[in-house]
Amino acid sequence: MKSIGLDVGNGTTCIVVRGEDGTISRKMYASTYGIYEKDKEKTAIATISNHYGDESQSNVFAINGREYIIGYQDVQAVGSTPVSTYGREERVHLSAYQTMTRLALLDAATMDGQTGVIEVSLGFGVPNEDYREEKLAEFEKWFKEPITGTKNGEQVVIMVNRIEFLSQPIAVLVDAYYDGEGYVQDEAIEVENILVIDSGSGTLDMTEFRGMKLQKQVSEAIGMNDVYQRVIEAIEKREPKIRTDAYNLEHQIRDQDGKQEMMYRHGTFCIPIADFYNDAMNDIWTEMVGRIERRYPDRMRFNRVLLAGGTGDAFAERFVRWMPQIQIAEEPQLAIARGLCKYVLSLVGVTE
């Protein structure tokens, strides 16, 4: 049975899968999807490069009789209209979020090429504000019945034999605690006072643990999406005819990572945005630090502070300068999905 860690965030969906043969697969892409219509396709199903530079064919998934493309690059490649899952509150009732989750699970279960009936143990990550009994009960309903659909025309039925929910910061702690086989790798975590900072696209979650027992969790509505929104506002102020979205902007910024000159292209427009981007990063960083310090003015009382999340990755250098003893998770954006996968793997091992 496959063990899947699935983190459908406001900005990015992260997937880590451990197959029955022990192989690990991982993927991440923008949390967006589009309806696939063959007669309106802009190009042939294009060869695209994912975040790690690996080339693969765009996949077409179908659920409830409708075909979809997932991830901003694939949506863009076929000329579909991107549907965002962004929403800081009431995500459990957001239909786009549920659709994105089901599509991502179809993708996760079939990453190795398997179709047909697939049995999985699923670890699903939720932000702190959704880690409440009544909301988890709603999430659980999504997986009570088999997830049925197709991938590139091949029938897929996903049987979720086990579902475990963890808040995103708890998943980060679990990632540090367990190794890739689901065995304990850092026993010190069992007795330490630890603060986890999960800095994501939409929210900044902070969770305090003592001896692996949750003590307090708080959430602040701030993240990388705020950076992109400020850049968008600056672009549209300069060129009122332009209308863009955060995913398109993020895609172009990532493509220019490391370059001194940063441009935003839209039709015939080509606008320098390096100053917009740097100013937005500095402003959001200042706000983030202020919110962390108000919540946790004495961070030295913790044995360790763990940092994860896509925004944590983007601000990693700033975090280290501000707090040299902070521990940045390996590949911070994947830490949640990796921890979720390790957690269900550890439970499956116990039951077997």
Protein backbone atom coordinates (compact mmCIF):
# COMPACT_ATOMS: atom_id res chain seq x y z
CA MET A 1 0.00 0.00 0.00
CA LYS A 2 1.30 3.43 -0.91
CA SER A 3 1.93 6.05 1.78
CA ILE A 4 1.09 9.56 0.59
CA GLY A 5 1.80 12.92 2.21
CA LEU A 6 -0.42 15.59 0.64
CA ASP A 7 -0.13 19.29 1.46
CA VAL A 8 -2.53 21.41 -0.60
CA GLY A 9 -1.48 24.92 0.35
CA ASN A 10 -2.82 28.31 -0.64
CA GLY A 11 -0.01 28.80 -3.12
CA THR A 12 1.64 25.42 -3.67
CA THR A 13 0.62 21.78 -3.58
CA CYS A 14 3.36 19.44 -2.31
CA ILE A 15 3.28 15.66 -2.68
CA VAL A 16 5.56 12.95 -1.26
CA VAL A 17 4.78 9.29 -2.01
CA ARG A 18 6.46 6.13 -0.76
CA GLY A 19 5.63 3.16 -2.95
CA GLU A 20 5.29 -0.43 -1.80
CA ASP A 21 8.79 -1.09 -3.16
CA GLY A 22 10.25 1.69 -1.01
CA THR A 23 10.77 4.21 -3.81
CA ILE A 24 10.11 7.84 -2.96
CA SER A 25 8.43 10.20 -5.43
CA ARG A 26 7.85 13.90 -4.87
CA LYS A 27 6.32 16.78 -6.71
CA MET A 28 5.17 20.31 -6.14
CA TYR A 29 3.29 22.80 -8.27
CA ALA A 30 1.02 25.82 -7.97
CA SER A 31 -2.30 25.06 -6.29
CA THR A 32 -4.30 25.80 -9.39
CA TYR A 33 -6.12 23.82 -12.04
CA GLY A 34 -7.96 24.43 -15.28
CA ILE A 35 -10.69 22.71 -17.27
CA TYR A 36 -9.20 20.88 -20.25
CA GLU A 37 -11.06 21.35 -23.52
CA LYS A 38 -9.40 19.64 -26.47
CA ASP A 39 -11.02 21.87 -29.08
CA LYS A 40 -9.66 24.98 -27.33
CA GLU A 41 -6.19 23.63 -26.66
CA LYS A 42 -3.50 26.23 -27.34
CA THR A 43 -0.76 23.72 -28.12
CA ALA A 44 -0.39 19.98 -28.24
CA ILE A 45 -0.15 18.53 -24.74
CA ALA A 46 3.16 20.13 -24.09
CA THR A 47 6.38 18.88 -22.59
CA ILE A 48 6.98 20.98 -19.51
CA SER A 49 9.65 21.24 -16.83
CA ASN A 50 8.61 20.90 -13.22
CA HIS A 51 10.18 22.73 -10.27
CA TYR A 52 13.12 20.31 -10.19
CA GLY A 53 13.89 20.70 -13.91
CA ASP A 54 12.59 17.24 -14.87
CA GLU A 55 10.71 17.13 -18.15
CA SER A 56 7.41 15.29 -18.34
CA GLN A 57 4.22 15.31 -20.37
CA SER A 58 1.25 17.29 -19.12
CA ASN A 59 -1.37 14.93 -17.74
CA VAL A 60 -5.12 15.15 -18.21
CA PHE A 61 -7.20 14.03 -15.22
CA ALA A 62 -10.95 13.53 -15.12
CA ILE A 63 -13.34 13.49 -12.17
CA ASN A 64 -17.13 13.65 -12.27
CA GLY A 65 -17.07 13.53 -16.07
CA ARG A 66 -14.96 16.66 -16.55
CA GLU A 67 -11.31 16.81 -17.64
CA TYR A 68 -8.71 18.95 -15.89
CA ILE A 69 -5.10 20.08 -16.10
CA ILE A 70 -3.33 20.80 -12.80
CA GLY A 71 -0.45 23.10 -11.93
CA TYR A 72 0.03 26.55 -13.40
CA GLN A 73 2.59 25.52 -16.03
CA ASP A 74 0.34 22.81 -17.49
CA VAL A 75 -2.71 25.07 -17.36
CA GLN A 76 -0.74 27.75 -19.18
CA ALA A 77 0.60 25.26 -21.73
CA VAL A 78 -2.87 24.27 -22.95
CA GLY A 79 -4.37 27.75 -22.73
CA SER A 80 -6.87 26.95 -19.98
CA THR A 81 -8.16 29.49 -17.46
CA PRO A 82 -6.48 28.95 -14.07
CA VAL A 83 -8.73 28.34 -11.08
CA SER A 84 -7.17 29.43 -7.80
CA THR A 85 -7.62 27.65 -4.48
CA TYR A 86 -6.56 30.71 -2.55
CA GLY A 87 -8.69 31.36 0.50
CA ARG A 88 -7.52 32.00 4.04
CA GLU A 89 -10.76 31.10 5.75
CA GLU A 90 -13.38 28.36 5.38
CA ARG A 91 -11.24 26.33 2.98
CA VAL A 92 -13.17 23.23 3.94
CA HIS A 93 -16.24 24.72 2.23
CA LEU A 94 -14.38 26.01 -0.84
CA SER A 95 -15.34 23.83 -3.81
CA ALA A 96 -12.18 24.76 -5.71
CA TYR A 97 -10.09 23.56 -2.78
CA GLN A 98 -11.89 20.22 -2.68
CA THR A 99 -11.47 19.79 -6.44
CA MET A 100 -7.77 20.65 -6.19
CA THR A 101 -7.36 18.11 -3.38
CA ARG A 102 -9.02 15.31 -5.31
CA LEU A 103 -6.99 16.06 -8.43
CA ALA A 104 -3.76 16.18 -6.43
CA LEU A 105 -4.59 12.82 -4.82
CA LEU A 106 -5.21 11.32 -8.28
CA ASP A 107 -1.85 12.69 -9.36
CA ALA A 108 -0.06 11.42 -6.23
CA ALA A 109 -1.43 7.89 -6.47
CA THR A 110 -0.49 7.56 -10.16
CA MET A 111 2.93 9.23 -10.18
CA ASP A 112 4.61 5.86 -10.77
CA GLY A 113 2.36 5.11 -13.74
CA GLN A 114 -0.02 2.82 -11.86
CA THR A 115 -3.73 3.01 -12.71
CA GLY A 116 -6.71 0.84 -11.83
CA VAL A 117 -7.54 0.26 -8.17
CA ILE A 118 -4.91 1.80 -5.87
CA GLU A 119 -4.90 1.44 -2.08
CA VAL A 120 -3.29 4.26 -0.11
CA SER A 121 -2.61 5.50 3.39
CA LEU A 122 -3.01 9.26 3.27
CA GLY A 123 -1.55 11.96 5.49
CA PHE A 124 -3.32 15.25 4.83
CA GLY A 125 -2.00 18.58 6.09
CA VAL A 126 -4.20 21.42 7.33
CA PRO A 127 -3.31 24.91 8.59
CA ASN A 128 -3.60 25.67 12.28
CA GLU A 129 -6.93 27.47 11.90
CA ASP A 130 -8.47 24.34 10.30
CA TYR A 131 -7.03 21.89 12.86
CA ARG A 132 -10.27 21.72 14.81
CA GLU A 133 -12.52 18.75 15.42
CA GLU A 134 -15.51 20.08 13.49
CA LYS A 135 -13.45 21.01 10.43
CA LEU A 136 -11.49 17.76 10.41
CA ALA A 137 -14.80 15.89 10.42
CA GLU A 138 -15.76 17.77 7.25
CA PHE A 139 -12.42 17.00 5.59
CA GLU A 140 -12.82 13.34 6.48
CA LYS A 141 -16.06 13.15 4.50
CA TRP A 142 -14.08 13.87 1.32
CA PHE A 143 -12.28 10.53 1.59
CA LYS A 144 -15.00 8.19 2.92
CA GLU A 145 -15.92 7.06 -0.59
CA PRO A 146 -13.35 5.92 -3.20
CA ILE A 147 -11.93 8.70 -5.36
CA THR A 148 -12.73 7.71 -8.93
CA GLY A 149 -11.54 9.26 -12.15
CA THR A 150 -9.13 8.84 -15.02
CA LYS A 151 -5.58 9.79 -15.88
CA ASN A 152 -4.93 10.23 -19.59
CA GLY A 153 -7.98 8.08 -20.27
CA GLU A 154 -7.00 5.26 -17.89
CA GLN A 155 -9.46 4.44 -15.12
CA VAL A 156 -8.29 5.10 -11.55
CA VAL A 157 -10.01 4.19 -8.29
CA ILE A 158 -8.26 5.34 -5.12
CA MET A 159 -9.15 3.49 -1.95
CA VAL A 160 -8.12 5.59 1.06
CA ASN A 161 -7.70 2.80 3.60
CA ARG A 162 -6.27 5.11 6.23
CA ILE A 163 -6.55 8.87 6.60
CA GLU A 164 -4.58 10.89 9.12
CA PHE A 165 -4.80 14.65 9.58
CA LEU A 166 -1.96 16.72 10.99
CA SER A 167 -1.62 20.45 11.29
CA GLN A 168 1.14 21.66 9.01
CA PRO A 169 3.51 22.59 11.87
CA ILE A 170 2.99 19.17 13.51
CA ALA A 171 3.97 17.58 10.18
CA VAL A 172 7.18 19.63 10.22
CA LEU A 173 8.02 18.29 13.69
CA VAL A 174 7.26 14.74 12.54
CA ASP A 175 9.57 15.23 9.55
CA ALA A 176 12.42 16.03 11.92
CA TYR A 177 11.51 13.18 14.28
CA TYR A 178 11.23 10.28 11.81
CA ASP A 179 13.55 9.07 9.08
CA GLY A 180 12.43 8.09 5.59
CA GLU A 181 11.46 4.59 6.73
CA GLY A 182 9.17 5.83 9.50
CA TYR A 183 11.59 5.09 12.35
CA VAL A 184 12.67 7.55 15.04
CA GLN A 185 15.84 9.39 14.03
CA ASP A 186 15.99 12.17 16.65
CA GLU A 187 14.97 11.04 20.13
CA ALA A 188 15.86 14.42 21.66
CA ILE A 189 12.66 15.83 20.19
CA GLU A 190 10.73 13.67 22.70
CA VAL A 191 11.88 15.84 25.63
CA GLU A 192 12.67 19.22 24.10
CA ASN A 193 10.72 22.47 24.00
CA ILE A 194 10.36 23.26 20.31
CA LEU A 195 8.80 26.07 18.30
CA VAL A 196 7.84 25.32 14.70
CA ILE A 197 7.43 28.23 12.32
CA ASP A 198 5.60 27.21 9.16
CA SER A 199 5.73 30.19 6.83
CA GLY A 200 3.47 29.45 3.88
CA SER A 201 1.94 31.29 0.96
CA GLY A 202 -1.16 32.40 2.84
CA THR A 203 -0.50 31.92 6.54
CA LEU A 204 2.28 32.10 9.11
CA ASP A 205 1.65 29.25 11.57
CA MET A 206 3.53 28.98 14.85
CA THR A 207 3.19 25.96 17.10
CA GLU A 208 4.83 25.28 20.45
CA PHE A 209 5.64 21.74 21.60
CA ARG A 210 6.89 20.39 24.91
CA GLY A 211 8.01 16.78 24.82
CA MET A 212 6.11 16.36 21.52
CA LYS A 213 2.89 17.51 23.19
CA LEU A 214 1.20 20.47 21.58
CA GLN A 215 1.13 23.45 23.93
CA LYS A 216 -0.09 26.34 21.83
CA GLN A 217 -0.72 27.10 18.19
CA VAL A 218 -1.36 30.45 16.54
CA SER A 219 -1.80 31.62 12.98
CA GLU A 220 -1.20 34.94 11.25
CA ALA A 221 -2.66 35.83 7.85
CA ILE A 222 0.55 36.76 6.07
CA GLY A 223 2.78 35.03 3.54
CA MET A 224 4.28 35.00 0.07
CA ASN A 225 0.93 35.73 -1.55
CA ASP A 226 1.10 39.16 0.10
CA VAL A 227 4.44 39.78 -1.59
CA TYR A 228 2.97 38.89 -4.98
CA GLN A 229 -0.14 40.98 -4.35
CA ARG A 230 1.95 44.07 -3.62
CA VAL A 231 3.99 43.52 -6.78
CA ILE A 232 0.77 43.10 -8.77
CA GLU A 233 -0.56 46.36 -7.36
CA ALA A 234 2.66 48.14 -8.32
CA ILE A 235 2.54 46.69 -11.85
CA GLU A 236 -1.10 47.67 -12.38
CA LYS A 237 -0.49 51.13 -10.99
CA ARG A 238 2.28 51.61 -13.54
CA GLU A 239 0.34 49.97 -16.40
CA PRO A 240 -3.44 50.16 -15.67
CA LYS A 241 -4.25 48.03 -18.74
CA ILE A 242 -2.52 44.99 -17.26
CA ARG A 243 -4.43 42.42 -15.23
CA THR A 244 -2.36 39.58 -13.82
CA ASP A 245 -2.55 36.95 -11.09
CA ALA A 246 -0.23 35.67 -8.39
CA TYR A 247 0.48 32.33 -10.11
CA ASN A 248 1.55 33.96 -13.37
CA LEU A 249 3.74 36.40 -11.46
CA GLU A 250 5.27 33.64 -9.30
CA HIS A 251 5.98 31.56 -12.42
CA GLN A 252 7.86 34.43 -14.07
CA ILE A 253 9.76 35.34 -10.89
CA ARG A 254 10.91 31.73 -10.37
CA ASP A 255 12.08 31.56 -13.98
CA GLN A 256 14.29 34.58 -13.31
CA ASP A 257 15.63 33.44 -9.95
CA GLY A 258 19.20 34.66 -9.45
CA LYS A 259 19.09 37.23 -12.24
CA GLN A 260 19.86 40.85 -11.42
CA GLU A 261 17.28 42.17 -13.86
CA MET A 262 13.76 40.94 -13.23
CA MET A 263 11.05 41.59 -15.81
CA TYR A 264 7.33 40.95 -15.96
CA ARG A 265 6.01 40.18 -19.44
CA HIS A 266 2.37 40.53 -20.43
CA GLY A 267 1.55 40.65 -24.12
CA THR A 268 3.56 43.52 -25.57
CA PHE A 269 4.43 44.89 -22.13
CA CYS A 270 7.80 44.24 -20.52
CA ILE A 271 8.09 45.87 -17.10
CA PRO A 272 11.11 45.86 -14.76
CA ILE A 273 9.91 44.61 -11.36
CA ALA A 274 13.10 44.04 -9.36
CA ASP A 275 12.47 47.12 -7.21
CA PHE A 276 8.79 46.25 -6.76
CA TYR A 277 9.72 42.74 -5.67
CA ASN A 278 12.51 43.76 -3.28
CA ASP A 279 10.36 46.46 -1.66
CA ALA A 280 7.50 43.97 -1.18
CA MET A 281 9.85 41.35 0.28
CA ASN A 282 11.27 43.87 2.75
CA ASP A 283 7.83 45.11 3.80
CA ILE A 284 6.36 41.64 4.31
CA TRP A 285 9.48 40.46 6.13
CA THR A 286 9.22 43.38 8.56
CA GLU A 287 5.56 42.55 9.20
CA MET A 288 6.29 38.85 9.67
CA VAL A 289 9.05 39.46 12.19
CA GLY A 290 6.83 41.86 14.13
CA ARG A 291 4.07 39.26 14.38
CA ILE A 292 6.46 36.49 15.47
CA GLU A 293 8.05 38.71 18.12
CA ARG A 294 4.66 39.77 19.49
CA ARG A 295 3.59 36.14 19.81
CA TYR A 296 6.95 34.83 21.05
CA PRO A 297 9.09 37.61 22.54
CA ASP A 298 11.35 35.08 24.33
CA ARG A 299 12.44 32.54 21.75
CA MET A 300 15.58 31.57 23.66
CA ARG A 301 13.47 29.41 26.00
CA PHE A 302 13.12 26.86 23.19
CA ASN A 303 15.69 24.12 22.68
CA ARG A 304 15.21 24.58 18.95
CA VAL A 305 13.18 26.57 16.47
CA LEU A 306 12.32 24.79 13.21
CA LEU A 307 11.49 26.68 10.02
CA ALA A 308 9.59 25.27 7.05
CA GLY A 309 7.23 26.35 4.27
CA GLY A 310 7.59 28.03 0.91
CA THR A 311 7.75 31.53 2.34
CA GLY A 312 10.24 30.27 4.92
CA ASP A 313 12.35 29.07 2.00
CA ALA A 314 12.08 32.42 0.23
CA PHE A 315 13.03 34.33 3.40
CA ALA A 316 15.56 31.75 4.66
CA GLU A 317 18.56 34.08 4.58
CA ARG A 318 16.65 36.78 6.44
CA PHE A 319 15.49 34.26 9.07
CA VAL A 320 19.08 33.14 9.70
CA ARG A 321 20.37 36.71 10.03
CA TRP A 322 17.53 37.50 12.43
CA MET A 323 17.90 34.29 14.46
CA PRO A 324 21.20 32.46 13.78
CA GLN A 325 20.21 29.37 15.82
CA ILE A 326 17.08 28.67 13.75
CA GLN A 327 17.05 25.27 12.02
CA ILE A 328 15.81 25.35 8.44
CA ALA A 329 14.21 22.13 7.29
CA GLU A 330 15.72 20.35 4.32
CA GLU A 331 13.79 21.57 1.26
CA PRO A 332 11.50 23.65 3.50
CA GLN A 333 8.56 23.70 1.11
CA LEU A 334 8.39 19.88 1.03
CA ALA A 335 8.84 19.40 4.78
CA ILE A 336 5.11 19.20 5.51
CA ALA A 337 4.31 16.62 2.81
CA ARG A 338 7.42 14.66 3.77
CA GLY A 339 6.39 14.62 7.44
CA LEU A 340 2.87 13.54 6.52
CA CYS A 341 4.21 10.66 4.45
CA LYS A 342 6.57 9.58 7.24
CA TYR A 343 3.73 9.71 9.77
CA VAL A 344 1.36 7.38 7.90
CA LEU A 345 4.31 5.14 7.07
CA SER A 346 5.15 4.85 10.78
CA LEU A 347 1.54 3.95 11.60
CA VAL A 348 1.28 1.38 8.84
CA GLY A 349 4.51 -0.18 10.13
CA VAL A 350 3.06 -0.42 13.65
CA THR A 351 -0.17 -2.10 12.50
CA GLU A 352 1.70 -4.57 10.30
